[in-house]
Amino acid sequence: MKKPSTKNAKRPAATTALAAVAGVVAASVVLSVAELIGAFFTARATPVIALGSTFIDFTPPWMKDFAIATFGTNDKLALFVGMGVTILLLACVLGIVAYRKWALGAAGVLLMGAIIVTSVVTRASVKPIDAIPSLVGTLAGLIVLRLLISRLWRMAVWPDSAADVAAKEPERPASSRRAFFAVSGVTALASVVAATGGRMLSAARSGVTQARDTLKLPSPAKTAAAVPAGVQSPTPGVAPWITPNKDFYRIDTALSVPEINAQDWELRIHGMVEQEVTITFQDLLDAQLIESHVTLTCVSNPVGGNLAGNAKWLGMPIRDVLKMARPKEGADMVLSTSIDGFSASTPLEVLQDDRDAMLAIGMNGEPLPLEHGYPVRMVVPGLYGFVSATKWVVDLEVTRFEDKQAYWTQRSWSERGPIKTMARVEVPKSFAKVAAGTVAIGGTAWAQTRGIDKVEVQIDNGPWTEAVLAAEASVITWRQWSYEWDATPGPHYIKVRATDGTGEVQTDKRADPVPDGASGWQSVAVTVE
């Protein structure tokens, strides 16, 4: 339909609002159609995932740190909500622009489509053909927008003379409005059904979850050392010494959890090596696997934060993999890359020593959960995850720090990330109200590869007093502690610090996570009643 002249027509606010609705419905069609068709392509080929991943790639460190500090492990949910609001506002604007000047509105839709397609094809492990869902979705959205805007144009044309008023109109405004809402509602509902169907179809086609659930892990050649009695703090409310998989923190750059068929997984080891090596998942199952309790910590963990977890891991020592490839003299770094494009720079010597760095396939007695790297991830004791704990790993390049930069190094984070000594108060919580008398205080401390020799507690500005340490399983796991405080009424502050196995006391100097991890003493405010 050619847009009728609305020179003498009124443009009430209600019509503008309807145009905005048309834009939102069209945007929902773009996303849902792409989601449905994307079920037959790479999961990262859907517009929302591609746009979100591109946004993360260009996120400055301060914004990423703010998001994690504010939202914690809900940072991805916060991103999706923010993207949803942004898309909603843009869709409203494009709908209004299209109503007033179709060519400009259509150009805006096509521009957004081009941005989506660019985001898709520039993702790691995505082929040009994976742009098809976004292209088809954009075309479908443009068609729906035209149909809805055409209805609004017809509603906007009013007779200009008394004679015309008496004439029979082909479509009364009230019925036109009802028809507009009916078409919009049906289209929006169909979009929801299409998006939901696309997700269900994608999950059904992958079969990764079912394969993971039926995978039987082999017994390790070297079992984990027995955990001594008394590793758990006696203070009620302190985190479990072993972190359940469902509670283990998750911080990564993957908006959509990669679904990798273990039978198709391969790891390429190349670069400055005498022999390039490719290993399969079956190779890992057949290898001399080791089992070890290891505490992992995220570099974004603030002082007193909960972005740390302890688990029992099963995997192949990375030193054995490197022995097959035989690194050349001069190499000092291994650049590990995930299937989603994330990369980490790990010092070569750390992967060759006896600290049990591994290609993990098991976590707490079961195959890796999908969100924690199934089928294979790296686990390296003593280093923050951003330089060591690559999930969904598919590539190891032996190289040099001066030649290559990893994902976060390119964004101004440090090249190497040894974990700093840290202690946290878990009980009581900050701003808690407690009864006067004996108050149980407890928490966890860590200094992976160095161990924890002492934890001290300070009440207000009083003397530092040693807490009671729980048993130590190893120097690569965290250590819990407890303290009984004879509390008097009033407001108080509880501080804690740890001393590692080398005798170094946790620094009181406050530092933000960027560029190499937070530092400082945690202070918890409580009120004693």
Protein backbone atom coordinates (compact mmCIF):
# COMPACT_ATOMS: atom_id res chain seq x y z
CA MET A 1 0.00 0.00 0.00
CA LYS A 2 1.22 3.47 -0.87
CA LYS A 3 1.20 5.76 2.14
CA PRO A 4 -1.87 8.04 1.87
CA SER A 5 -1.47 11.76 2.36
CA THR A 6 -1.96 12.81 5.95
CA LYS A 7 -1.40 16.49 5.30
CA ASN A 8 -4.73 17.46 6.86
CA ALA A 9 -4.94 14.46 9.20
CA LYS A 10 -4.43 14.72 12.89
CA ARG A 11 -1.69 12.78 14.62
CA PRO A 12 -2.99 12.32 18.14
CA ALA A 13 -0.77 10.92 20.88
CA ALA A 14 -2.78 7.70 20.73
CA THR A 15 -1.72 7.09 17.13
CA THR A 16 1.92 7.76 18.01
CA ALA A 17 1.64 5.20 20.80
CA LEU A 18 0.18 2.68 18.36
CA ALA A 19 3.09 3.28 16.01
CA ALA A 20 5.45 2.53 18.91
CA VAL A 21 3.51 -0.70 19.54
CA ALA A 22 3.95 -1.61 15.88
CA GLY A 23 7.69 -1.16 16.26
CA VAL A 24 7.80 -3.40 19.33
CA VAL A 25 5.76 -6.14 17.63
CA ALA A 26 8.03 -6.00 14.59
CA ALA A 27 11.12 -6.27 16.79
CA SER A 28 9.64 -9.32 18.52
CA VAL A 29 9.15 -10.89 15.09
CA VAL A 30 12.79 -10.22 14.17
CA LEU A 31 14.06 -11.92 17.31
CA SER A 32 11.60 -14.82 17.42
CA VAL A 33 11.93 -15.78 13.76
CA ALA A 34 15.70 -15.68 14.08
CA GLU A 35 15.47 -17.78 17.25
CA LEU A 36 13.29 -20.38 15.54
CA ILE A 37 15.42 -20.67 12.42
CA GLY A 38 18.58 -20.46 14.53
CA ALA A 39 17.71 -23.83 16.06
CA PHE A 40 19.14 -25.34 12.88
CA PHE A 41 22.34 -23.28 13.06
CA THR A 42 25.04 -22.42 15.60
CA ALA A 43 23.54 -21.41 18.96
CA ARG A 44 25.59 -18.20 18.94
CA ALA A 45 23.93 -17.21 15.64
CA THR A 46 20.79 -15.85 17.33
CA PRO A 47 20.58 -12.02 17.47
CA VAL A 48 20.27 -11.59 21.24
CA ILE A 49 23.24 -13.84 21.99
CA ALA A 50 25.38 -12.30 19.23
CA LEU A 51 24.56 -8.72 20.23
CA GLY A 52 25.12 -9.45 23.91
CA SER A 53 28.43 -11.20 23.24
CA THR A 54 29.59 -8.29 21.08
CA PHE A 55 28.64 -5.88 23.85
CA ILE A 56 30.69 -7.90 26.34
CA ASP A 57 33.67 -7.86 23.97
CA PHE A 58 33.67 -4.08 23.93
CA THR A 59 32.83 -3.62 27.60
CA PRO A 60 35.56 -1.60 29.36
CA PRO A 61 37.05 -3.20 32.48
CA TRP A 62 35.47 -0.68 34.86
CA MET A 63 31.98 -1.45 33.55
CA LYS A 64 32.54 -5.21 33.72
CA ASP A 65 33.85 -4.84 37.26
CA PHE A 66 30.87 -2.68 38.21
CA ALA A 67 28.42 -5.24 36.79
CA ILE A 68 29.98 -8.14 38.70
CA ALA A 69 30.31 -6.11 41.93
CA THR A 70 26.66 -5.01 41.66
CA PHE A 71 24.97 -8.10 40.27
CA GLY A 72 27.48 -10.88 41.09
CA THR A 73 26.66 -14.11 39.29
CA ASN A 74 23.47 -12.44 37.98
CA ASP A 75 25.54 -10.18 35.72
CA LYS A 76 24.32 -11.94 32.58
CA LEU A 77 20.69 -11.60 33.64
CA ALA A 78 21.30 -7.90 34.22
CA LEU A 79 22.80 -7.63 30.74
CA PHE A 80 19.79 -9.33 29.17
CA VAL A 81 17.42 -7.03 31.03
CA GLY A 82 19.40 -3.99 29.92
CA MET A 83 19.44 -5.23 26.34
CA GLY A 84 15.70 -5.87 26.49
CA VAL A 85 15.00 -2.31 27.63
CA THR A 86 17.30 -0.91 24.95
CA ILE A 87 15.70 -2.98 22.18
CA LEU A 88 12.24 -1.97 23.44
CA LEU A 89 13.08 1.74 23.29
CA LEU A 90 14.72 1.47 19.86
CA ALA A 91 11.75 -0.49 18.54
CA CYS A 92 9.36 2.22 19.77
CA VAL A 93 11.41 4.92 18.06
CA LEU A 94 11.64 2.99 14.78
CA GLY A 95 7.89 2.37 14.82
CA ILE A 96 7.14 6.07 15.23
CA VAL A 97 9.69 7.06 12.58
CA ALA A 98 8.29 4.47 10.15
CA TYR A 99 4.75 5.82 10.63
CA ARG A 100 5.81 9.39 9.86
CA LYS A 101 8.38 8.61 7.17
CA TRP A 102 8.43 5.03 5.99
CA ALA A 103 11.69 5.18 4.03
CA LEU A 104 13.58 6.44 7.07
CA GLY A 105 12.00 3.86 9.38
CA ALA A 106 12.72 1.03 6.95
CA ALA A 107 16.32 2.21 6.65
CA GLY A 108 16.59 2.10 10.43
CA VAL A 109 15.32 -1.49 10.52
CA LEU A 110 17.78 -2.52 7.81
CA LEU A 111 20.61 -0.80 9.66
CA MET A 112 19.76 -2.69 12.83
CA GLY A 113 19.64 -5.88 10.79
CA ALA A 114 23.09 -5.15 9.41
CA ILE A 115 24.43 -4.61 12.94
CA ILE A 116 22.92 -7.91 14.06
CA VAL A 117 24.37 -9.80 11.09
CA THR A 118 27.79 -8.27 11.70
CA SER A 119 27.63 -9.29 15.35
CA VAL A 120 26.74 -12.84 14.34
CA VAL A 121 29.40 -13.45 11.70
CA THR A 122 32.19 -12.02 13.84
CA ARG A 123 31.62 -14.50 16.69
CA ALA A 124 34.12 -17.30 17.22
CA SER A 125 33.29 -20.63 15.53
CA VAL A 126 30.48 -19.00 13.51
CA LYS A 127 30.30 -19.41 9.73
CA PRO A 128 28.87 -16.90 7.22
CA ILE A 129 25.90 -19.21 6.64
CA ASP A 130 24.92 -18.66 10.30
CA ALA A 131 23.79 -15.16 9.32
CA ILE A 132 20.71 -16.64 7.66
CA PRO A 133 18.49 -16.60 10.81
CA SER A 134 19.18 -12.90 11.37
CA LEU A 135 18.62 -12.03 7.69
CA VAL A 136 15.31 -13.88 7.55
CA GLY A 137 14.26 -12.43 10.91
CA THR A 138 15.02 -8.89 9.76
CA LEU A 139 13.02 -9.38 6.55
CA ALA A 140 10.06 -10.83 8.48
CA GLY A 141 10.15 -7.96 10.95
CA LEU A 142 10.22 -5.40 8.15
CA ILE A 143 7.17 -7.00 6.50
CA VAL A 144 5.21 -7.04 9.76
CA LEU A 145 6.14 -3.42 10.46
CA ARG A 146 4.89 -2.40 7.01
CA LEU A 147 1.58 -4.22 7.50
CA LEU A 148 0.94 -2.65 10.90
CA ILE A 149 2.00 0.83 9.85
CA SER A 150 -0.27 0.57 6.77
CA ARG A 151 -3.22 -0.02 9.08
CA LEU A 152 -2.32 3.08 11.04
CA TRP A 153 -2.11 5.11 7.86
CA ARG A 154 -5.63 4.03 6.92
CA MET A 155 -6.88 4.96 10.38
CA ALA A 156 -5.29 8.41 10.08
CA VAL A 157 -7.13 9.45 6.89
CA TRP A 158 -10.26 11.45 7.77
CA PRO A 159 -12.83 13.17 5.49
CA ASP A 160 -12.29 16.93 5.07
CA SER A 161 -15.79 18.07 3.99
CA ALA A 162 -19.37 17.69 5.22
CA ALA A 163 -20.27 15.78 2.06
CA ASP A 164 -17.45 13.38 2.70
CA VAL A 165 -18.62 12.89 6.27
CA ALA A 166 -21.94 11.59 5.02
CA ALA A 167 -20.23 9.15 2.73
CA LYS A 168 -19.96 5.54 3.73
CA GLU A 169 -16.48 4.73 5.01
CA PRO A 170 -14.95 1.37 4.21
CA GLU A 171 -13.55 1.02 7.71
CA ARG A 172 -14.57 2.89 10.82
CA PRO A 173 -11.80 4.09 13.16
CA ALA A 174 -13.01 2.01 16.13
CA SER A 175 -13.04 -1.21 14.14
CA SER A 176 -9.66 -0.30 12.63
CA ARG A 177 -8.19 0.15 16.09
CA ARG A 178 -9.60 -3.17 17.24
CA ALA A 179 -8.26 -4.86 14.14
CA PHE A 180 -4.83 -3.29 14.75
CA PHE A 181 -4.72 -4.60 18.30
CA ALA A 182 -5.97 -8.01 17.18
CA VAL A 183 -3.27 -8.33 14.51
CA SER A 184 -0.60 -7.01 16.88
CA GLY A 185 -1.66 -9.35 19.68
CA VAL A 186 -1.78 -12.43 17.48
CA THR A 187 1.61 -11.57 15.98
CA ALA A 188 3.18 -11.00 19.41
CA LEU A 189 1.76 -14.28 20.68
CA ALA A 190 3.06 -16.10 17.62
CA SER A 191 6.47 -14.56 18.29
CA VAL A 192 6.51 -15.92 21.82
CA VAL A 193 5.52 -19.36 20.57
CA ALA A 194 8.19 -19.24 17.85
CA ALA A 195 10.94 -18.16 20.26
CA THR A 196 9.98 -20.82 22.79
CA GLY A 197 9.76 -23.45 20.09
CA GLY A 198 13.15 -22.43 18.77
CA ARG A 199 14.77 -22.90 22.16
CA MET A 200 13.09 -26.26 22.69
CA LEU A 201 14.00 -27.43 19.20
CA SER A 202 17.60 -26.33 19.66
CA ALA A 203 17.86 -28.24 22.94
CA ALA A 204 16.27 -31.33 21.42
CA ARG A 205 18.56 -31.29 18.41
CA SER A 206 21.77 -30.86 20.39
CA GLY A 207 21.33 -33.83 22.72
CA VAL A 208 24.33 -32.59 24.73
CA THR A 209 22.48 -32.59 28.04
CA GLN A 210 21.40 -36.19 27.57
CA ALA A 211 24.92 -37.24 26.55
CA ARG A 212 26.39 -35.53 29.59
CA ASP A 213 23.86 -37.20 31.91
CA THR A 214 24.73 -40.67 30.62
CA LEU A 215 28.51 -40.20 30.61
CA LYS A 216 30.33 -42.49 33.03
CA LEU A 217 33.60 -41.07 34.25
CA PRO A 218 36.62 -43.38 34.49
CA SER A 219 38.41 -44.01 37.75
CA PRO A 220 41.47 -41.83 38.28
CA ALA A 221 44.97 -43.28 38.24
CA LYS A 222 45.74 -40.95 41.14
CA THR A 223 42.89 -40.35 43.56
CA ALA A 224 42.48 -37.18 45.58
CA ALA A 225 44.20 -37.14 48.95
CA ALA A 226 41.89 -38.07 51.80
CA VAL A 227 40.18 -35.05 53.30
CA PRO A 228 41.09 -34.83 57.00
CA ALA A 229 38.41 -34.58 59.63
CA GLY A 230 37.63 -31.09 60.82
CA VAL A 231 38.00 -29.11 57.55
CA GLN A 232 34.57 -27.57 58.06
CA SER A 233 34.30 -24.58 60.38
CA PRO A 234 32.10 -25.36 63.41
CA THR A 235 30.43 -21.95 63.08
CA PRO A 236 26.88 -22.41 61.75
CA GLY A 237 26.31 -20.61 58.47
CA VAL A 238 29.85 -20.85 57.10
CA ALA A 239 29.95 -22.06 53.48
CA PRO A 240 30.40 -25.82 52.94
CA TRP A 241 34.04 -26.81 52.54
CA ILE A 242 33.05 -28.53 49.27
CA THR A 243 31.00 -26.19 47.13
CA PRO A 244 28.05 -28.02 45.48
CA ASN A 245 28.07 -27.74 41.70
CA LYS A 246 24.77 -25.85 41.71
CA ASP A 247 26.23 -23.22 44.07
CA PHE A 248 29.64 -22.85 42.42
CA TYR A 249 30.12 -19.33 41.13
CA ARG A 250 29.96 -18.76 37.40
CA ILE A 251 31.71 -15.78 35.81
CA ASP A 252 32.57 -15.98 32.11
CA THR A 253 31.96 -14.19 28.81
CA ALA A 254 29.51 -16.74 27.37
CA LEU A 255 25.94 -15.43 27.24
CA SER A 256 24.75 -18.72 25.77
CA VAL A 257 26.28 -21.81 27.37
CA PRO A 258 28.15 -23.61 24.56
CA GLU A 259 26.75 -27.06 23.86
CA ILE A 260 29.58 -29.23 22.62
CA ASN A 261 29.21 -32.86 21.65
CA ALA A 262 31.98 -34.67 23.51
CA GLN A 263 32.45 -37.06 20.59
CA ASP A 264 33.23 -34.10 18.33
CA TRP A 265 35.46 -32.24 20.82
CA GLU A 266 39.12 -31.85 19.98
CA LEU A 267 41.95 -29.92 21.57
CA ARG A 268 44.74 -28.62 19.38
CA ILE A 269 48.17 -28.01 20.96
CA HIS A 270 50.40 -26.01 18.66
CA GLY A 271 52.65 -22.96 18.36
CA MET A 272 56.21 -23.10 19.71
CA VAL A 273 56.27 -26.89 19.95
CA GLU A 274 58.31 -29.68 18.41
CA GLN A 275 55.19 -31.68 17.59
CA GLU A 276 51.70 -30.36 17.04
CA VAL A 277 49.20 -32.53 18.90
CA THR A 278 45.45 -33.02 18.70
CA ILE A 279 43.65 -34.95 21.42
CA THR A 280 40.06 -36.13 21.56
CA PHE A 281 37.69 -36.64 24.44
CA GLN A 282 38.27 -40.38 24.19
CA ASP A 283 41.99 -39.70 24.60
CA LEU A 284 41.20 -37.98 27.88
CA LEU A 285 39.03 -40.86 29.06
CA ASP A 286 41.89 -43.28 28.29
CA ALA A 287 44.59 -41.13 29.93
CA GLN A 288 46.17 -41.43 33.37
CA LEU A 289 43.73 -39.09 35.09
CA ILE A 290 44.29 -37.37 38.41
CA GLU A 291 41.81 -36.25 41.02
CA SER A 292 42.39 -33.22 43.22
CA HIS A 293 40.59 -30.78 45.49
CA VAL A 294 41.22 -27.28 44.17
CA THR A 295 39.84 -23.89 45.19
CA LEU A 296 39.16 -21.52 42.29
CA THR A 297 38.84 -17.76 42.67
CA CYS A 298 37.61 -15.10 40.23
CA VAL A 299 39.78 -12.01 39.80
CA SER A 300 36.60 -9.92 40.05
CA ASN A 301 35.96 -11.12 43.59
CA PRO A 302 35.77 -8.07 45.87
CA VAL A 303 37.15 -8.08 49.40
CA GLY A 304 34.84 -10.39 51.35
CA GLY A 305 33.13 -11.54 48.15
CA ASN A 306 31.74 -14.97 47.29
CA LEU A 307 33.30 -15.51 43.85
CA ALA A 308 35.36 -18.43 45.09
CA GLY A 309 34.58 -22.13 45.35
CA ASN A 310 36.19 -25.43 46.27
CA ALA A 311 35.56 -28.65 44.36
CA LYS A 312 37.02 -32.07 43.62
CA TRP A 313 38.19 -32.12 40.00
CA LEU A 314 39.04 -35.02 37.71
CA GLY A 315 41.21 -34.57 34.65
CA MET A 316 44.39 -35.12 32.69
CA PRO A 317 47.49 -33.24 33.89
CA ILE A 318 48.30 -30.46 31.44
CA ARG A 319 52.00 -31.22 31.94
CA ASP A 320 51.40 -34.62 30.30
CA VAL A 321 49.75 -32.96 27.32
CA LEU A 322 52.65 -30.52 26.97
CA LYS A 323 55.16 -33.38 27.16
CA MET A 324 53.62 -34.80 23.99
CA ALA A 325 54.00 -31.48 22.19
CA ARG A 326 57.47 -30.66 23.61
CA PRO A 327 57.53 -26.83 23.96
CA LYS A 328 60.48 -25.10 22.33
CA GLU A 329 63.08 -23.08 24.16
CA GLY A 330 62.00 -19.46 24.63
CA ALA A 331 58.30 -20.20 25.08
CA ASP A 332 56.92 -18.84 28.36
CA MET A 333 53.14 -18.79 27.96
CA VAL A 334 50.22 -20.96 26.87
CA LEU A 335 47.32 -19.12 25.28
CA SER A 336 44.19 -21.21 25.89
CA THR A 337 41.10 -20.46 23.83
CA SER A 338 37.47 -21.38 24.40
CA ILE A 339 35.03 -22.31 21.67
CA ASP A 340 33.29 -18.96 22.32
CA GLY A 341 36.48 -16.98 21.61
CA PHE A 342 37.60 -16.26 25.18
CA SER A 343 41.33 -16.69 25.76
CA ALA A 344 43.62 -16.80 28.79
CA SER A 345 47.38 -16.39 29.15
CA THR A 346 48.93 -18.89 31.56
CA PRO A 347 52.65 -19.00 32.42
CA LEU A 348 54.14 -22.13 30.86
CA GLU A 349 56.05 -23.13 33.99
CA VAL A 350 52.83 -23.18 36.04
CA LEU A 351 51.39 -25.79 33.68
CA GLN A 352 54.52 -27.94 33.88
CA ASP A 353 55.10 -28.09 37.64
CA ASP A 354 53.47 -30.43 40.18
CA ARG A 355 50.50 -28.25 41.19
CA ASP A 356 47.96 -30.51 39.44
CA ALA A 357 46.95 -28.14 36.65
CA MET A 358 44.59 -30.22 34.55
CA LEU A 359 42.20 -30.55 31.64
CA ALA A 360 39.21 -31.31 33.83
CA ILE A 361 36.31 -33.50 32.74
CA GLY A 362 34.75 -34.12 36.16
CA MET A 363 33.57 -31.95 39.05
CA ASN A 364 32.57 -33.31 42.45
CA GLY A 365 32.14 -36.85 41.15
CA GLU A 366 30.12 -36.10 38.02
CA PRO A 367 30.81 -34.85 34.49
CA LEU A 368 31.34 -31.11 34.28
CA PRO A 369 28.06 -29.20 34.30
CA LEU A 370 27.46 -27.47 30.96
CA GLU A 371 27.80 -24.02 32.51
CA HIS A 372 31.13 -24.97 34.09
CA GLY A 373 32.80 -26.03 30.87
CA TYR A 374 31.47 -29.41 29.68
CA PRO A 375 33.05 -31.39 28.19
CA VAL A 376 36.51 -30.01 29.08
CA ARG A 377 37.88 -27.02 30.95
CA MET A 378 41.16 -25.95 32.51
CA VAL A 379 41.74 -25.97 36.27
CA VAL A 380 44.99 -24.36 37.45
CA PRO A 381 45.63 -23.94 41.20
CA GLY A 382 47.04 -20.62 42.37
CA LEU A 383 45.96 -18.37 39.49
CA TYR A 384 42.84 -16.28 39.07
CA GLY A 385 40.43 -17.71 36.52
CA PHE A 386 40.93 -14.97 33.94
CA VAL A 387 44.43 -16.27 33.21
CA SER A 388 43.91 -19.98 33.73
CA ALA A 389 40.41 -21.46 34.06
CA THR A 390 39.32 -21.52 30.42
CA LYS A 391 36.00 -23.33 29.99
CA TRP A 392 34.98 -25.19 26.83
CA VAL A 393 38.66 -25.14 25.89
CA VAL A 394 39.51 -26.15 22.31
CA ASP A 395 42.97 -24.68 21.66
CA LEU A 396 46.32 -24.42 23.45
CA GLU A 397 48.96 -22.30 21.75
CA VAL A 398 52.44 -22.41 23.22
CA THR A 399 53.85 -18.94 22.72
CA ARG A 400 55.39 -15.96 24.54
CA PHE A 401 53.87 -13.16 26.56
CA GLU A 402 55.59 -10.60 24.35
CA ASP A 403 53.98 -12.10 21.24
CA LYS A 404 50.36 -12.73 22.24
CA GLN A 405 47.74 -11.13 24.48
CA ALA A 406 44.72 -12.84 26.00
CA TYR A 407 41.12 -11.62 26.13
CA TRP A 408 41.35 -9.60 29.34
CA THR A 409 44.98 -8.57 28.84
CA GLN A 410 43.80 -6.71 25.76
CA ARG A 411 41.38 -4.88 28.08
CA SER A 412 44.05 -3.62 30.48
CA TRP A 413 44.08 -6.51 32.97
CA SER A 414 47.40 -8.04 34.00
CA GLU A 415 49.16 -10.78 32.03
CA ARG A 416 49.67 -13.01 35.05
CA GLY A 417 47.24 -13.44 37.93
CA PRO A 418 48.63 -15.09 41.06
CA ILE A 419 45.90 -15.26 43.71
CA LYS A 420 46.33 -12.88 46.62
CA THR A 421 46.00 -13.93 50.26
CA MET A 422 42.44 -13.28 51.39
CA ALA A 423 40.21 -13.93 54.40
CA ARG A 424 36.50 -13.24 54.62
CA VAL A 425 33.89 -13.08 57.37
CA GLU A 426 30.82 -15.15 56.50
CA VAL A 427 29.10 -15.14 59.90
CA PRO A 428 27.70 -12.79 61.06
CA LYS A 429 26.61 -11.00 57.92
CA SER A 430 27.24 -7.31 57.48
CA PHE A 431 24.65 -5.12 59.29
CA ALA A 432 23.39 -8.11 61.26
CA LYS A 433 21.86 -7.70 64.70
CA VAL A 434 23.14 -10.17 67.30
CA ALA A 435 22.44 -10.80 70.95
CA ALA A 436 24.95 -9.76 73.59
CA GLY A 437 27.15 -12.51 74.97
CA THR A 438 29.08 -15.17 73.09
CA VAL A 439 28.82 -14.60 69.34
CA ALA A 440 30.18 -17.17 66.88
CA ILE A 441 32.24 -15.64 64.08
CA GLY A 442 33.47 -17.72 61.18
CA GLY A 443 34.62 -17.67 57.59
CA THR A 444 37.09 -18.86 55.00
CA ALA A 445 40.59 -17.87 53.92
CA TRP A 446 42.73 -18.85 50.94
CA ALA A 447 46.19 -18.43 49.46
CA GLN A 448 46.36 -21.20 46.88
CA THR A 449 49.76 -22.93 46.53
CA ARG A 450 50.97 -21.17 49.72
CA GLY A 451 48.33 -22.27 52.22
CA ILE A 452 46.94 -20.46 55.26
CA ASP A 453 48.94 -20.52 58.53
CA LYS A 454 46.99 -18.01 60.59
CA VAL A 455 43.77 -16.00 60.65
CA GLU A 456 43.30 -13.07 63.03
CA VAL A 457 40.19 -11.18 64.09
CA GLN A 458 39.97 -7.59 65.29
CA ILE A 459 36.95 -6.09 67.06
CA ASP A 460 36.70 -2.34 66.50
CA ASN A 461 40.23 -0.98 67.09
CA GLY A 462 41.21 -3.63 69.61
CA PRO A 463 44.11 -6.07 69.39
CA TRP A 464 44.35 -8.71 66.70
CA THR A 465 43.45 -12.12 68.13
CA GLU A 466 44.09 -15.49 66.52
CA ALA A 467 41.08 -17.43 65.32
CA VAL A 468 40.84 -21.21 65.48
CA LEU A 469 41.81 -22.74 62.14
CA ALA A 470 39.96 -25.74 60.79
CA ALA A 471 42.04 -28.63 59.46
CA GLU A 472 43.97 -28.05 56.25
CA ALA A 473 43.39 -30.42 53.34
CA SER A 474 46.15 -28.98 51.14
CA VAL A 475 47.76 -25.68 50.20
CA ILE A 476 45.68 -25.47 47.01
CA THR A 477 42.37 -25.46 48.87
CA TRP A 478 40.82 -22.84 51.09
CA ARG A 479 40.91 -23.09 54.87
CA GLN A 480 38.10 -22.24 57.24
CA TRP A 481 38.27 -20.61 60.66
CA SER A 482 36.14 -19.76 63.71
CA TYR A 483 36.22 -17.32 66.61
CA GLU A 484 34.10 -16.79 69.72
CA TRP A 485 33.50 -13.17 70.67
CA ASP A 486 32.21 -11.92 73.99
CA ALA A 487 30.00 -9.20 72.50
CA THR A 488 28.84 -6.13 74.41
CA PRO A 489 25.82 -4.00 73.41
CA GLY A 490 26.27 -1.35 70.75
CA PRO A 491 27.62 -0.99 67.21
CA HIS A 492 30.84 -2.84 66.41
CA TYR A 493 33.15 -3.59 63.52
CA ILE A 494 34.71 -7.00 62.84
CA LYS A 495 37.87 -7.17 60.76
CA VAL A 496 39.79 -10.22 59.59
CA ARG A 497 43.18 -10.90 58.01
CA ALA A 498 45.15 -13.99 57.09
CA THR A 499 48.81 -15.00 57.03
CA ASP A 500 49.90 -17.38 54.29
CA GLY A 501 52.33 -20.30 54.44
CA THR A 502 55.29 -18.07 53.55
CA GLY A 503 54.65 -15.84 56.57
CA GLU A 504 53.27 -12.95 54.52
CA VAL A 505 50.38 -11.12 56.17
CA GLN A 506 47.40 -10.13 54.07
CA THR A 507 47.84 -6.49 53.11
CA ASP A 508 45.50 -3.81 54.42
CA LYS A 509 46.04 -1.75 51.27
CA ARG A 510 42.76 -1.51 49.43
CA ALA A 511 42.85 -2.27 45.72
CA ASP A 512 40.09 -2.77 43.18
CA PRO A 513 39.91 -6.04 41.23
CA VAL A 514 41.37 -4.33 38.14
CA PRO A 515 44.04 -5.16 37.04
CA ASP A 516 45.18 -8.12 39.15
CA GLY A 517 42.69 -8.79 41.95
CA ALA A 518 41.26 -6.98 44.97
CA SER A 519 43.11 -6.58 48.24
CA GLY A 520 42.46 -5.17 51.71
CA TRP A 521 40.85 -6.24 54.97
CA GLN A 522 37.15 -6.94 55.15
CA SER A 523 35.23 -4.99 57.78
CA VAL A 524 31.77 -6.16 58.87
CA ALA A 525 29.46 -3.83 60.79
CA VAL A 526 27.13 -5.46 63.36
CA THR A 527 24.83 -4.25 66.11
CA VAL A 528 24.84 -6.05 69.43
CA GLU A 529 21.56 -5.81 71.33
